[in-house]
Protein backbone atom coordinates (compact mmCIF):
# COMPACT_ATOMS: atom_id res chain seq x y z
CA UNK A 1 -0.14 -0.21 -0.18
CA UNK A 2 1.23 3.05 -0.88
CA UNK A 3 0.28 5.46 1.84
CA UNK A 4 1.21 9.27 0.00
CA UNK A 5 -1.30 7.65 -3.23
CA UNK A 6 -4.17 6.50 -0.36
CA UNK A 7 -3.42 10.38 1.60
CA UNK A 8 -3.85 12.06 -1.76
CA UNK A 9 -7.21 10.63 -3.13
CA UNK A 10 -8.13 11.47 0.30
CA UNK A 11 -7.48 15.40 -0.32
CA UNK A 12 -8.74 15.38 -3.73
CA UNK A 13 -12.23 13.44 -2.03
CA UNK A 14 -12.24 16.11 0.55
CA UNK A 15 -10.97 19.27 -1.11
CA UNK A 16 -12.45 19.29 -4.80
CA UNK A 17 -15.80 19.43 -5.97
CA UNK A 18 -16.90 22.27 -3.41
CA UNK A 19 -19.14 24.91 -3.66
CA UNK A 20 -17.31 27.49 -1.47
CA UNK A 21 -16.45 30.68 -2.06
CA UNK A 22 -12.76 30.92 -4.43
CA UNK A 23 -10.26 32.38 -3.95
CA UNK A 24 -6.84 33.36 -5.89
CA UNK A 25 -3.89 32.15 -4.59
CA UNK A 26 -1.78 34.36 -4.74
CA UNK A 27 -3.78 36.49 -2.82
CA UNK A 28 -3.45 34.29 0.32
CA UNK A 29 0.12 34.83 0.77
CA UNK A 30 3.21 36.20 -0.43
CA UNK A 31 5.56 33.69 -2.49
CA UNK A 32 9.34 33.80 -2.92
CA UNK A 33 11.03 31.38 -4.77
CA UNK A 34 15.07 31.57 -3.63
CA UNK A 35 17.55 33.50 -5.34
CA UNK A 36 19.47 32.29 -8.51
CA UNK A 37 22.17 29.84 -9.19
CA UNK A 38 24.81 32.47 -9.86
CA UNK A 39 23.69 34.97 -6.20
CA UNK A 40 24.38 31.82 -3.78
CA UNK A 41 27.05 29.74 -4.36
CA UNK A 42 29.67 28.02 -2.42
CA UNK A 43 32.38 29.79 -2.05
CA UNK A 44 30.36 32.63 -1.10
CA UNK A 45 29.92 30.59 2.44
CA UNK A 46 31.49 30.75 5.74
CA UNK A 47 32.44 28.84 8.88
CA UNK A 48 29.44 29.09 11.49
CA UNK A 49 29.69 31.84 13.56
CA UNK A 50 27.45 33.97 16.17
CA UNK A 51 26.92 37.08 13.37
CA UNK A 52 26.77 34.37 10.12
CA UNK A 53 23.34 34.27 9.13
CA UNK A 54 22.59 30.67 7.75
CA UNK A 55 20.79 28.94 4.19
CA UNK A 56 18.08 27.24 4.59
CA UNK A 57 17.94 24.22 2.92
CA UNK A 58 15.76 21.45 0.95
CA UNK A 59 15.93 19.00 3.69
CA UNK A 60 15.45 21.42 6.21
CA UNK A 61 11.31 21.05 4.21
CA UNK A 62 11.76 17.55 3.68
CA UNK A 63 12.79 16.64 7.04
CA UNK A 64 10.90 19.17 8.75
CA UNK A 65 14.14 20.35 10.54
CA UNK A 66 15.35 23.59 11.27
CA UNK A 67 18.56 22.80 12.89
CA UNK A 68 19.80 20.60 9.86
CA UNK A 69 22.49 21.97 7.44
CA UNK A 70 26.23 23.80 7.72
CA UNK A 71 25.78 26.62 4.83
CA UNK A 72 26.01 30.10 6.49
CA UNK A 73 26.56 33.76 4.95
CA UNK A 74 28.19 37.26 5.86
CA UNK A 75 25.70 39.64 7.89
CA UNK A 76 26.85 41.49 4.51
CA UNK A 77 26.09 39.39 2.15
CA UNK A 78 23.03 38.56 3.63
CA UNK A 79 21.74 42.41 3.59
CA UNK A 80 22.59 41.51 -0.25
CA UNK A 81 20.27 38.87 -0.47
CA UNK A 82 17.74 39.69 2.20
CA UNK A 83 14.57 40.14 0.23
CA UNK A 84 15.67 35.69 0.69
CA UNK A 85 15.22 36.38 4.73
CA UNK A 86 12.56 33.45 6.36
CA UNK A 87 10.61 34.38 9.72
CA UNK A 88 9.15 31.90 11.85
CA UNK A 89 5.62 30.82 10.47
CA UNK A 90 7.13 31.47 7.50
CA UNK A 91 6.36 28.40 4.87
CA UNK A 92 9.12 26.80 3.46
CA UNK A 93 8.29 24.46 -0.13
CA UNK A 94 10.73 21.81 -1.68
CA UNK A 95 10.59 22.92 -5.83
CA UNK A 96 13.02 20.14 -7.28
CA UNK A 97 13.10 16.06 -7.50
CA UNK A 98 11.30 16.20 -4.03
CA UNK A 99 8.51 18.21 -4.77
CA UNK A 100 5.62 19.97 -2.41
CA UNK A 101 7.49 18.80 1.05
CA UNK A 102 6.24 21.68 3.67
CA UNK A 103 7.65 23.21 6.81
CA UNK A 104 6.79 25.67 9.06
CA UNK A 105 9.85 27.84 10.49
CA UNK A 106 9.98 27.46 14.17
CA UNK A 107 9.67 30.25 16.96
CA UNK A 108 13.63 29.63 17.65
CA UNK A 109 14.67 29.67 14.56
CA UNK A 110 18.37 30.72 13.27
CA UNK A 111 17.53 34.06 11.11
CA UNK A 112 19.01 33.23 7.39
CA UNK A 113 17.72 33.44 3.89
CA UNK A 114 16.52 29.95 1.21
CA UNK A 115 18.98 28.62 -1.28
CA UNK A 116 17.87 28.07 -5.03
CA UNK A 117 16.01 24.61 -4.00
CA UNK A 118 13.64 26.50 -1.74
CA UNK A 119 10.18 29.03 -1.83
CA UNK A 120 8.94 31.08 0.65
CA UNK A 121 5.04 31.33 1.38
CA UNK A 122 4.15 33.66 3.79
CA UNK A 123 0.62 33.87 4.89
CA UNK A 124 -1.51 37.05 5.29
CA UNK A 125 -3.79 35.56 7.94
CA UNK A 126 -1.87 32.54 9.82
CA UNK A 127 -5.63 31.72 11.00
CA UNK A 128 -6.18 30.07 8.09
CA UNK A 129 -2.35 28.02 8.37
CA UNK A 130 -4.01 24.50 8.75
CA UNK A 131 -6.42 24.65 6.39
CA UNK A 132 -4.16 25.91 3.64
CA UNK A 133 -1.51 23.44 3.77
CA UNK A 134 -3.37 20.77 3.28
CA UNK A 135 -4.79 22.51 0.24
CA UNK A 136 -1.42 23.29 -1.22
CA UNK A 137 0.01 19.73 -0.98
CA UNK A 138 -2.33 18.44 -2.45
CA UNK A 139 -2.47 20.92 -5.49
CA UNK A 140 1.36 21.39 -5.31
CA UNK A 141 1.89 17.79 -6.06
CA UNK A 142 -0.68 17.80 -8.88
CA UNK A 143 0.38 20.44 -10.50
CA UNK A 144 3.96 18.75 -10.24
CA UNK A 145 2.93 15.56 -12.10
CA UNK A 146 1.48 17.90 -14.44
CA UNK A 147 4.21 19.97 -15.52
CA UNK A 148 6.76 17.36 -15.22
CA UNK A 149 5.01 14.98 -17.54
CA UNK A 150 7.81 13.56 -20.15
CA UNK A 151 10.74 14.62 -17.80
CA UNK A 152 12.41 12.52 -15.14
CA UNK A 153 12.79 15.87 -12.66
CA UNK A 154 9.67 17.48 -11.25
CA UNK A 155 9.65 20.70 -10.64
CA UNK A 156 7.49 23.47 -8.55
CA UNK A 157 5.06 25.37 -11.64
CA UNK A 158 5.60 28.63 -12.33
CA UNK A 159 4.26 31.71 -9.92
CA UNK A 160 2.39 32.47 -13.17
CA UNK A 161 0.02 29.88 -12.37
CA UNK A 162 0.77 28.57 -8.98
CA UNK A 163 -0.64 32.28 -7.92
CA UNK A 164 -3.95 32.42 -10.46
CA UNK A 165 -5.02 28.83 -9.11
CA UNK A 166 -8.29 29.12 -7.50
CA UNK A 167 -8.01 28.18 -3.94
CA UNK A 168 -11.96 27.18 -1.97
CA UNK A 169 -12.40 28.85 0.99
CA UNK A 170 -14.81 27.29 3.41
CA UNK A 171 -15.81 29.80 6.78
CA UNK A 172 -12.99 28.98 9.51
CA UNK A 173 -14.93 26.41 10.79
CA UNK A 174 -16.15 24.27 8.52
CA UNK A 175 -11.81 24.46 7.65
CA UNK A 176 -10.95 23.42 11.23
CA UNK A 177 -14.00 20.54 10.58
CA UNK A 178 -12.42 19.50 7.26
CA UNK A 179 -8.84 19.32 9.38
CA UNK A 180 -10.19 17.05 11.92
CA UNK A 181 -11.79 14.85 10.02
CA UNK A 182 -8.53 14.64 6.86
CA UNK A 183 -5.78 14.33 10.44
CA UNK A 184 -8.05 11.58 11.38
CA UNK A 185 -8.20 9.73 8.24
CA UNK A 186 -4.56 10.08 8.06
CA UNK A 187 -3.64 9.26 11.41
CA UNK A 188 -5.51 5.88 10.68
CA UNK A 189 -3.72 4.95 7.52
CA UNK A 190 -0.05 5.63 9.48
CA UNK A 191 -1.83 3.19 12.29
CA UNK A 192 -2.60 -0.08 8.78
CA UNK A 193 0.86 1.20 7.41
CA UNK A 194 2.29 0.44 10.50
CA UNK A 195 0.73 -2.86 11.29
CA UNK A 196 1.32 -4.19 7.79
CA UNK A 197 4.80 -3.21 8.29
CA UNK A 198 4.80 -5.23 11.66
CA UNK A 199 3.34 -8.28 9.85
CA UNK A 200 5.92 -7.82 7.02
CA UNK A 201 8.83 -7.77 9.41
CA UNK A 202 7.39 -10.87 11.55
CA UNK A 203 6.86 -12.88 8.05
CA UNK A 204 11.25 -11.82 7.44
CA UNK A 205 11.65 -12.83 11.35
CA UNK A 206 9.48 -16.47 11.09
CA UNK A 207 11.77 -16.69 7.16
CA UNK A 208 15.44 -16.04 9.68
CA UNK A 209 13.45 -18.30 12.85
CA UNK A 210 12.69 -21.33 10.17
CA UNK A 211 16.52 -21.72 9.10
CA UNK A 212 17.63 -21.82 12.55
CA UNK A 213 15.77 -24.41 13.84
CA UNK A 214 16.19 -26.95 10.74
CA UNK A 215 19.71 -25.81 9.79
CA UNK A 216 21.32 -25.24 13.51
CA UNK A 217 19.15 -26.55 16.63
CA UNK A 218 18.72 -29.55 15.14
CA UNK A 219 22.02 -30.09 13.38
CA UNK A 220 23.35 -29.21 16.62
CA UNK A 221 21.50 -32.11 18.71
CA UNK A 222 22.00 -34.17 15.90
CA UNK A 223 25.95 -33.78 16.17
CA UNK A 224 26.26 -34.26 20.08
CA UNK A 225 23.63 -36.87 19.88
CA UNK A 226 26.41 -40.02 19.97
CA UNK A 227 23.55 -42.34 18.09
CA UNK A 228 23.61 -40.04 15.26
CA UNK A 229 26.88 -40.37 13.94
CA UNK A 230 25.97 -39.65 10.06
CA UNK A 231 25.61 -35.84 11.04
CA UNK A 232 29.15 -34.16 11.60
CA UNK A 233 30.69 -30.62 10.49
CA UNK A 234 32.71 -29.82 7.31
CA UNK A 235 33.66 -26.54 5.79
CA UNK A 236 31.92 -25.86 2.65
CA UNK A 237 35.24 -24.72 0.51
CA UNK A 238 35.09 -29.03 1.68
CA UNK A 239 31.88 -29.39 -0.14
CA UNK A 240 31.73 -26.84 -3.07
CA UNK A 241 33.38 -25.04 -5.14
CA UNK A 242 33.17 -20.94 -6.13
CA UNK A 243 33.86 -19.14 -8.87
CA UNK A 244 34.70 -15.37 -9.34
CA UNK A 245 32.13 -13.21 -12.14
CA UNK A 246 34.52 -12.14 -14.64
CA UNK A 247 35.69 -8.59 -15.00
CA UNK A 248 35.63 -5.71 -17.77
CA UNK A 249 35.84 -2.22 -18.90
CA UNK A 250 32.64 0.11 -17.39
CA UNK A 251 32.09 1.82 -20.84
CA UNK A 252 32.02 -2.61 -22.63
CA UNK A 253 28.20 -3.13 -20.73
CA UNK A 254 25.49 -2.47 -22.83
CA UNK A 255 21.91 -2.74 -21.80
CA UNK A 256 19.92 -4.56 -24.99
CA UNK A 257 21.43 -7.72 -26.58
CA UNK A 258 24.20 -6.83 -29.66
CA UNK A 259 26.10 -9.22 -32.12
CA UNK A 260 28.36 -11.89 -30.06
CA UNK A 261 26.63 -10.43 -26.87
CA UNK A 262 26.11 -12.30 -24.03
CA UNK A 263 23.68 -11.68 -20.88
CA UNK A 264 25.92 -10.91 -17.23
CA UNK A 265 24.35 -10.79 -14.37
CA UNK A 266 25.68 -8.56 -11.72
CA UNK A 267 24.57 -7.71 -8.04
CA UNK A 268 21.74 -5.74 -8.63
CA UNK A 269 19.79 -8.85 -10.04
CA UNK A 270 19.87 -10.83 -6.47
CA UNK A 271 17.11 -10.57 -4.65
CA UNK A 272 14.98 -12.61 -2.52
CA UNK A 273 14.68 -14.13 -6.31
CA UNK A 274 17.01 -14.14 -8.87
CA UNK A 275 16.01 -11.26 -10.97
CA UNK A 276 16.64 -11.24 -14.52
CA UNK A 277 14.81 -8.03 -16.26
CA UNK A 278 17.48 -5.96 -15.62
CA UNK A 279 20.46 -8.08 -17.57
CA UNK A 280 23.72 -6.46 -19.03
CA UNK A 281 25.09 -7.22 -22.08
CA UNK A 282 28.93 -8.06 -22.97
CA UNK A 283 30.94 -9.19 -25.67
CA UNK A 284 31.42 -12.84 -25.27
CA UNK A 285 35.29 -12.65 -25.45
CA UNK A 286 35.28 -11.29 -21.66
CA UNK A 287 34.80 -14.56 -20.30
CA UNK A 288 37.54 -15.98 -23.38
CA UNK A 289 35.31 -19.80 -23.69
CA UNK A 290 35.61 -20.69 -19.52
CA UNK A 291 32.63 -22.81 -19.57
CA UNK A 292 33.15 -22.37 -15.84
CA UNK A 293 31.83 -18.63 -15.92
CA UNK A 294 28.65 -20.00 -17.98
CA UNK A 295 25.35 -19.71 -14.79
CA UNK A 296 24.27 -23.15 -14.65
CA UNK A 297 20.43 -24.36 -13.33
CA UNK A 298 20.79 -24.78 -9.72
CA UNK A 299 23.99 -21.90 -9.43
CA UNK A 300 23.93 -20.25 -6.26
CA UNK A 301 24.60 -16.65 -6.54
CA UNK A 302 26.71 -14.43 -3.80
CA UNK A 303 27.21 -10.92 -3.86
CA UNK A 304 30.62 -10.91 -3.29
CA UNK A 305 30.89 -6.91 -3.33
CA UNK A 306 28.22 -4.63 -1.98
CA UNK A 307 27.05 -2.70 0.81
CA UNK A 308 27.89 -3.87 4.28
CA UNK A 309 23.86 -4.93 5.29
CA UNK A 310 24.09 -6.54 1.38
CA UNK A 311 27.44 -8.31 1.55
CA UNK A 312 26.60 -11.95 1.41
CA UNK A 313 23.02 -11.95 -0.30
CA UNK A 314 22.16 -15.14 -2.45
CA UNK A 315 20.16 -16.16 -5.33
CA UNK A 316 18.95 -19.62 -6.29
CA UNK A 317 19.07 -20.26 -10.22
CA UNK A 318 15.52 -21.73 -10.74
CA UNK A 319 15.89 -21.65 -14.52
CA UNK A 320 17.88 -19.85 -17.59
CA UNK A 321 16.33 -18.37 -20.70
CA UNK A 322 19.66 -17.59 -22.17
CA UNK A 323 23.13 -17.95 -21.47
CA UNK A 324 24.46 -16.50 -19.39
CA UNK A 325 27.90 -15.03 -17.19
CA UNK A 326 28.66 -13.57 -14.38
CA UNK A 327 30.34 -10.19 -13.03
CA UNK A 328 33.30 -8.78 -10.62
CA UNK A 329 30.74 -8.48 -8.51
CA UNK A 330 29.69 -11.35 -7.00
CA UNK A 331 30.79 -15.12 -7.34
CA UNK A 332 28.89 -18.43 -8.06
CA UNK A 333 28.42 -21.18 -5.81
CA UNK A 334 28.54 -24.81 -6.72
CA UNK A 335 27.91 -27.89 -4.45
CA UNK A 336 28.93 -31.06 -4.90
CA UNK A 337 28.02 -34.68 -5.17
CA UNK A 338 27.59 -34.77 -1.34
CA UNK A 339 25.92 -31.77 -0.99
CA UNK A 340 22.14 -30.83 -1.83
CA UNK A 341 21.94 -27.45 -3.43
CA UNK A 342 18.89 -26.12 -2.28
CA UNK A 343 20.41 -27.05 1.65
CA UNK A 344 23.69 -25.24 0.75
CA UNK A 345 21.47 -22.08 -0.45
CA UNK A 346 19.61 -21.95 2.45
CA UNK A 347 22.46 -22.19 4.71
CA UNK A 348 23.91 -18.98 2.78
CA UNK A 349 20.70 -17.85 3.32
CA UNK A 350 20.59 -18.79 7.25
CA UNK A 351 24.28 -16.76 7.44
CA UNK A 352 23.26 -13.36 5.76
CA UNK A 353 20.44 -13.32 7.85
CA UNK A 354 22.51 -13.61 10.57
CA UNK A 355 24.69 -11.01 9.73
CA UNK A 356 27.86 -13.38 9.98
CA UNK A 357 28.73 -12.33 6.23
CA UNK A 358 28.50 -9.00 6.86
CA UNK A 359 30.59 -9.66 10.45
CA UNK A 360 33.54 -11.62 8.64
CA UNK A 361 33.45 -8.35 5.50
CA UNK A 362 36.00 -6.55 5.14
CA UNK A 363 35.56 -2.54 4.13
CA UNK A 364 36.37 0.17 1.85
CA UNK A 365 35.10 3.61 1.50
CA UNK A 366 31.88 1.71 0.64
CA UNK A 367 31.84 -1.29 -0.72
CA UNK A 368 32.17 -3.96 1.04
CA UNK A 369 33.62 -7.43 0.28
CA UNK A 370 33.66 -11.09 1.32
CA UNK A 371 36.29 -13.72 -0.62
CA UNK A 372 36.47 -16.96 -1.56
CA UNK A 373 38.57 -17.72 1.56
CA UNK A 374 35.73 -16.10 4.31
CA UNK A 375 33.30 -18.50 2.71
CA UNK A 376 35.47 -21.25 2.13
CA UNK A 377 35.99 -20.98 6.19
CA UNK A 378 32.71 -21.00 7.30
CA UNK A 379 30.98 -24.20 8.90
CA UNK A 380 28.33 -26.28 7.83
CA UNK A 381 26.30 -29.15 9.21
CA UNK A 382 26.16 -31.94 6.78
CA UNK A 383 23.96 -34.61 7.15
CA UNK A 384 23.40 -37.83 4.72
CA UNK A 385 21.89 -36.09 1.19
CA UNK A 386 18.53 -37.75 1.83
CA UNK A 387 18.22 -35.88 4.81
CA UNK A 388 19.63 -32.79 3.12
CA UNK A 389 16.73 -32.76 0.31
CA UNK A 390 13.88 -33.66 3.01
CA UNK A 391 15.00 -30.56 5.11
CA UNK A 392 15.48 -28.64 1.89
CA UNK A 393 12.26 -29.91 0.98
CA UNK A 394 10.62 -28.62 4.58
CA UNK A 395 12.11 -25.35 4.64
CA UNK A 396 10.72 -24.57 0.78
CA UNK A 397 7.57 -25.61 2.09
CA UNK A 398 7.32 -22.58 5.23
CA UNK A 399 8.92 -20.70 2.75
CA UNK A 400 6.19 -21.24 0.21
CA UNK A 401 3.51 -20.24 2.40
CA UNK A 402 5.18 -16.85 3.96
CA UNK A 403 5.94 -16.24 0.37
CA UNK A 404 1.54 -16.29 0.17
CA UNK A 405 1.48 -14.44 3.81
CA UNK A 406 3.50 -11.96 2.19
CA UNK A 407 1.91 -11.17 -0.54
CA UNK A 408 -1.22 -10.99 0.51
CA UNK A 409 0.31 -8.38 3.11
CA UNK A 410 1.85 -6.21 0.11
CA UNK A 411 -1.57 -5.78 -1.53
């Protein structure tokens, strides 16, 4: 459920098709956009001090927080740009990218101006503020979508359009009733969304507990029990093979097939289910006819270089509709004849969910890495092959039910 869309629909229902008197938006307030780019550049900023004046940014509106940001200008520069000064009870509005996020400046705000990505609204009559904000939120985002059709970036409509919008203005008691109704509905939507997110977290935890129960708790009992000598513990490197991905220049990849090309799976494709609708294509010469670099059914793809939270994430290759190789930020893990591939996959998923890959990874500036030596060194409980298969089937059955529950919750 997209709560933002639901809320917009409620606003549209309650704030349109009304027969109250209207007033042009431009008559309700002073509207002012931030200075042109050349009027305020980073070279003009000064360190924070008692005399420095704050430059407010988009993140102040988006995060509803006046204390964020560390850009300041001198008192002299402030005087040059004084027309862009904002005061308490002014409404700042984000004007590019994340459109229409509003924030009422607090009483204790630091004296300052807005930057190029903001506008301010100064209502002539502040008593209508709650109703105005609700209606403005509705019309500004609607207009932003209208004026941004065919472009990737949304922008605020021109003031020549904005100020001429008819603004329905009911008597103040009705305004208060409308605001109260909408706030009540929004609170209920938020409550439902919070409950939905809690259920999704419960499903995720259930998957984790399932893996823990079948793969770890069960194996500890079996290995420690003298009458179950067939269960043993081995290193991953003893029962599987790891294959590193191929490397190629960044300009060698394309998003569509071309002559003598091959599809290439990368770390972005490694999701809960292997995502194959967004592939890169590279020339076949890069995998040098090495058949070990060709994906096979039952392969396990592991993200070996990613953000710290996602390093070690795995996908299982259930099916392939074309020949594929895999890139340098992933590795392929293949079980040997003593290890069931699905059993191995679920064990690797358990390691990932427990944060063990993250704990073993090494961190560079922006990327966490885990290498084949680290992966091979993990212990894995190893029952007889037939037992591995049964355990994998039981986990799969539980996960299938959890997938159905998750799908229902996500609708």
